[in-house]
Protein backbone atom coordinates (compact mmCIF):
# COMPACT_ATOMS: atom_id res chain seq x y z
CA MET A 1 17.93 14.28 -13.41
CA THR A 2 19.61 17.37 -11.96
CA ASP A 3 19.71 18.55 -8.40
CA GLY A 4 16.33 20.04 -7.39
CA GLU A 5 14.26 18.19 -10.10
CA PRO A 6 11.51 15.87 -8.80
CA GLY A 7 12.04 12.21 -8.87
CA PRO A 8 9.85 9.59 -10.23
CA ALA A 9 7.93 9.14 -6.89
CA ALA A 10 7.42 12.87 -6.59
CA GLU A 11 6.08 13.07 -10.22
CA ARG A 12 3.57 10.22 -9.52
CA ARG A 13 2.37 12.11 -6.41
CA THR A 14 1.79 15.33 -8.50
CA ARG A 15 0.22 13.67 -11.58
CA ARG A 16 -2.30 11.21 -9.88
CA ARG A 17 -5.52 12.61 -8.84
CA GLY A 18 -9.02 11.47 -8.18
CA ASN A 19 -9.77 7.80 -8.95
CA ASP A 20 -6.38 7.08 -10.26
CA LEU A 21 -4.92 8.01 -6.86
CA VAL A 22 -7.64 6.15 -4.89
CA GLN A 23 -6.97 2.89 -6.97
CA ALA A 24 -3.22 3.29 -6.30
CA ILE A 25 -3.88 3.61 -2.58
CA HIS A 26 -6.26 0.74 -2.59
CA ALA A 27 -3.69 -1.45 -4.35
CA ALA A 28 -1.13 -0.40 -1.81
CA VAL A 29 -3.13 -1.30 1.28
CA LEU A 30 -3.97 -4.69 -0.08
CA ALA A 31 -0.37 -5.48 -0.82
CA GLU A 32 0.78 -4.02 2.55
CA VAL A 33 -1.56 -6.04 4.58
CA GLY A 34 -0.51 -9.18 2.65
CA GLU A 35 3.12 -8.55 3.72
CA VAL A 36 2.89 -7.09 7.22
CA GLY A 37 -0.42 -8.35 8.41
CA VAL A 38 -3.09 -6.43 10.10
CA SER A 39 -0.96 -5.47 13.27
CA GLY A 40 1.75 -4.08 11.00
CA LEU A 41 -0.58 -1.93 8.90
CA THR A 42 0.20 1.81 9.19
CA MET A 43 -0.69 4.85 7.23
CA GLU A 44 3.07 5.53 6.77
CA GLY A 45 3.58 2.11 5.26
CA ILE A 46 0.57 2.46 2.87
CA ALA A 47 1.54 5.97 1.74
CA LYS A 48 5.21 4.87 0.99
CA ARG A 49 4.01 1.96 -1.07
CA ALA A 50 1.45 4.13 -2.93
CA ALA A 51 4.13 6.87 -3.47
CA THR A 52 1.80 9.48 -2.08
CA ALA A 53 1.68 11.76 0.94
CA LYS A 54 0.11 10.44 4.16
CA THR A 55 -2.06 13.48 4.29
CA SER A 56 -3.72 12.17 1.03
CA LEU A 57 -4.86 9.14 3.07
CA TYR A 58 -6.09 10.93 6.06
CA ARG A 59 -8.30 13.30 3.90
CA ARG A 60 -10.41 10.09 2.92
CA TRP A 61 -9.83 7.56 5.73
CA SER A 62 -9.54 7.87 9.48
CA SER A 63 -7.41 4.76 9.90
CA PRO A 64 -5.48 2.05 8.06
CA ARG A 65 -8.28 -0.45 8.72
CA GLU A 66 -11.04 1.79 7.39
CA LEU A 67 -8.81 2.20 4.23
CA LEU A 68 -8.52 -1.55 4.12
CA ILE A 69 -12.25 -2.28 4.29
CA ASP A 70 -12.89 0.30 1.56
CA ALA A 71 -10.27 -1.35 -0.63
CA LEU A 72 -11.76 -4.78 -0.02
CA HIS A 73 -15.23 -3.54 -0.82
CA GLU A 74 -14.20 -2.07 -4.11
CA ALA A 75 -12.29 -5.11 -5.10
CA HIS A 76 -15.02 -7.63 -4.34
CA PRO A 77 -17.05 -8.84 -7.24
CA GLN A 78 -20.77 -8.61 -7.38
CA GLU A 79 -22.95 -11.19 -9.11
CA SER A 80 -25.19 -9.96 -12.05
CA PRO A 81 -27.86 -12.67 -12.67
CA SER A 82 -29.68 -12.82 -16.00
CA PRO A 83 -32.47 -10.20 -15.71
CA GLY A 84 -35.02 -12.61 -17.20
CA ALA A 85 -33.89 -15.44 -14.72
CA ASP A 86 -33.74 -17.78 -17.74
CA ASP A 87 -30.37 -19.46 -17.20
CA LEU A 88 -29.92 -20.61 -13.63
CA ARG A 89 -27.18 -23.06 -14.35
CA GLY A 90 -25.20 -20.62 -16.44
CA ASP A 91 -25.66 -17.90 -13.88
CA LEU A 92 -24.45 -20.24 -11.13
CA ILE A 93 -21.34 -21.22 -13.05
CA GLN A 94 -20.61 -17.65 -13.75
CA ALA A 95 -20.84 -16.73 -10.16
CA LEU A 96 -18.31 -19.44 -9.34
CA ARG A 97 -16.11 -18.16 -12.02
CA GLN A 98 -16.11 -14.81 -10.27
CA LEU A 99 -15.04 -16.55 -7.04
CA VAL A 100 -12.28 -18.22 -8.89
CA ALA A 101 -10.98 -14.95 -10.46
CA TRP A 102 -11.28 -13.20 -7.09
CA ILE A 103 -9.25 -15.98 -5.36
CA ARG A 104 -6.29 -14.97 -7.64
CA THR A 105 -6.35 -11.26 -6.57
CA PRO A 106 -4.42 -9.39 -3.82
CA ALA A 107 -7.75 -8.83 -2.19
CA ALA A 108 -8.16 -12.55 -1.53
CA THR A 109 -4.59 -12.58 -0.07
CA ALA A 110 -5.55 -9.65 2.14
CA VAL A 111 -8.68 -11.59 3.32
CA VAL A 112 -6.48 -14.59 4.34
CA ALA A 113 -4.13 -12.22 6.24
CA ILE A 114 -7.08 -10.81 8.10
CA MET A 115 -8.55 -14.25 8.94
CA MET A 116 -5.14 -15.45 10.18
CA GLU A 117 -5.40 -12.70 12.80
CA ARG A 118 -9.16 -12.79 13.47
CA HIS A 119 -8.74 -13.65 17.22
CA ARG A 120 -6.79 -10.42 17.64
CA HIS A 121 -8.96 -8.16 15.41
CA PRO A 122 -12.49 -9.60 15.74
CA GLU A 123 -13.97 -6.05 15.11
CA LEU A 124 -12.15 -5.89 11.70
CA VAL A 125 -13.49 -9.36 10.72
CA ASP A 126 -16.98 -8.32 11.69
CA ALA A 127 -16.62 -5.13 9.51
CA MET A 128 -15.27 -7.24 6.59
CA TYR A 129 -18.29 -9.51 6.71
CA THR A 130 -20.85 -6.84 7.04
CA ARG A 131 -19.35 -4.01 4.84
CA VAL A 132 -17.72 -6.18 2.22
CA PHE A 133 -19.12 -9.65 1.83
CA ASP A 134 -22.71 -8.98 2.83
CA ALA A 135 -22.81 -5.61 1.06
CA ARG A 136 -21.79 -7.32 -2.18
CA GLY A 137 -24.44 -10.00 -1.87
CA GLY A 138 -23.16 -12.54 0.55
CA THR A 139 -21.49 -15.77 -0.41
CA PHE A 140 -20.95 -16.43 -4.07
CA THR A 141 -24.10 -17.75 -5.78
CA SER A 142 -26.35 -16.22 -3.08
CA THR A 143 -27.46 -13.37 -5.28
CA VAL A 144 -28.27 -15.73 -8.19
CA LEU A 145 -30.22 -18.08 -6.02
CA ARG A 146 -32.26 -15.20 -4.38
CA HIS A 147 -32.94 -13.71 -7.68
CA TYR A 148 -34.35 -16.92 -9.18
CA ALA A 149 -36.39 -17.42 -5.99
CA ALA A 150 -37.77 -13.92 -6.20
CA GLN A 151 -38.83 -14.58 -9.75
CA GLY A 152 -40.71 -17.70 -8.81
CA HIS A 153 -38.21 -20.16 -10.33
CA LEU A 154 -37.15 -21.64 -7.04
CA ASP A 155 -38.76 -22.33 -3.68
CA PRO A 156 -37.43 -19.52 -1.34
CA ALA A 157 -37.49 -21.97 1.51
CA LEU A 158 -34.81 -24.01 -0.10
CA VAL A 159 -32.49 -21.05 -0.45
CA THR A 160 -31.02 -21.59 3.04
CA PRO A 161 -27.63 -20.35 4.43
CA VAL A 162 -26.32 -23.92 4.07
CA VAL A 163 -27.29 -24.07 0.37
CA THR A 164 -25.91 -20.61 -0.33
CA ASP A 165 -22.60 -21.83 1.06
CA ILE A 166 -22.30 -24.92 -0.99
CA GLY A 167 -20.61 -23.46 -4.03
CA GLU A 168 -18.11 -21.39 -2.22
CA ALA A 169 -17.36 -24.21 0.24
CA LEU A 170 -16.68 -26.79 -2.48
CA VAL A 171 -14.56 -24.39 -4.57
CA LEU A 172 -12.32 -23.67 -1.55
CA LYS A 173 -12.23 -27.44 -0.56
CA HIS A 174 -11.11 -28.38 -4.03
CA SER A 175 -8.28 -25.76 -3.96
CA THR A 176 -7.18 -27.05 -0.55
CA ASP A 177 -7.31 -30.73 -1.48
CA THR A 178 -5.64 -30.39 -4.85
CA GLY A 179 -3.48 -27.17 -4.65
CA GLU A 180 -5.30 -25.99 -7.86
CA ILE A 181 -7.90 -23.63 -8.78
CA PRO A 182 -10.95 -25.29 -10.15
CA ASP A 183 -11.46 -25.24 -13.84
CA ASP A 184 -14.75 -24.82 -15.75
CA ASP A 185 -15.46 -28.65 -15.58
CA VAL A 186 -15.13 -28.71 -11.77
CA LEU A 187 -17.40 -25.66 -11.46
CA ALA A 188 -20.09 -27.25 -13.65
CA ALA A 189 -19.83 -30.42 -11.55
CA ILE A 190 -20.29 -28.40 -8.34
CA VAL A 191 -23.40 -26.77 -9.81
CA ASP A 192 -24.91 -29.91 -11.43
CA GLN A 193 -24.20 -32.32 -8.51
CA ALA A 194 -24.63 -30.16 -5.45
CA ILE A 195 -26.11 -26.73 -5.93
CA LEU A 196 -28.95 -27.55 -8.34
CA PRO A 197 -30.05 -30.84 -6.57
CA ALA A 198 -30.17 -28.75 -3.21
CA VAL A 199 -32.75 -26.34 -4.66
CA GLY A 200 -34.89 -29.31 -6.17
CA ILE A 201 -33.38 -29.31 -9.77
CA MET A 202 -31.81 -32.35 -11.20
CA PRO A 203 -29.30 -31.74 -14.19
CA ALA A 204 -30.10 -33.10 -17.57
CA ARG A 205 -29.02 -36.63 -18.09
CA GLY A 206 -25.81 -37.27 -19.97
CA ARG A 207 -24.42 -33.93 -19.11
CA PRO A 208 -20.63 -34.32 -18.77
CA THR A 209 -19.25 -33.20 -15.43
CA ARG A 210 -16.20 -34.10 -13.42
CA THR A 211 -15.86 -34.02 -9.68
CA SER A 212 -12.72 -32.73 -7.86
CA ALA A 213 -12.21 -36.28 -6.57
CA SER A 214 -12.04 -37.73 -10.15
CA ARG A 215 -9.65 -35.01 -11.15
CA SER A 216 -7.30 -35.16 -8.16
CA ARG A 217 -6.98 -38.68 -6.86
CA PRO A 218 -5.17 -41.39 -8.69
CA GLU A 219 -6.76 -44.76 -9.27
CA PRO A 220 -5.79 -47.30 -6.48
CA THR A 221 -3.22 -49.84 -7.61
CA ASP A 222 -2.85 -53.38 -6.61
């Protein structure tokens, strides 16, 4: 490269447009908040990480936190139950798979960073729940359960906030207890042994499932 020629960062700035640029900025803000926290989040830092001009950010977002909420919304998965409501168990397992996949993303790391500072930024936490989680259907499995209730396959009175929290809570508990992300066997166990019975459906006899306890805790020795 000779004097006066644009460097790689400048080339990226001029070549990226539209959705490519937005995706780069979203990735930058999620990575940035994971490193510096909410309090350290600035437009300057995000722009530098995204290798773009700060003015590009201000054209779309009024503040780093608005940008962060937008990035979280775009990164958050949304359940798609079977249109015919003919596979409740499969749809519930798939919803929990979406949760497991999301846990591995920078968006999930960003959510943890926000929650660690929730006492300092309660308005950001409120925005995250209303404009990200609720806007995408609520807790994982909520959309599936409401869909089946609306189709007459479940009693709507059983689809309570406690029931819609079960899958998400048990996936996170398994991860906390074992230090591992649940596999499909554990997800099936959560559906068969917790969610389906909570809505009045007992799984078929003989269906093999494993609990997190059976996977993670050794047998006692004498």
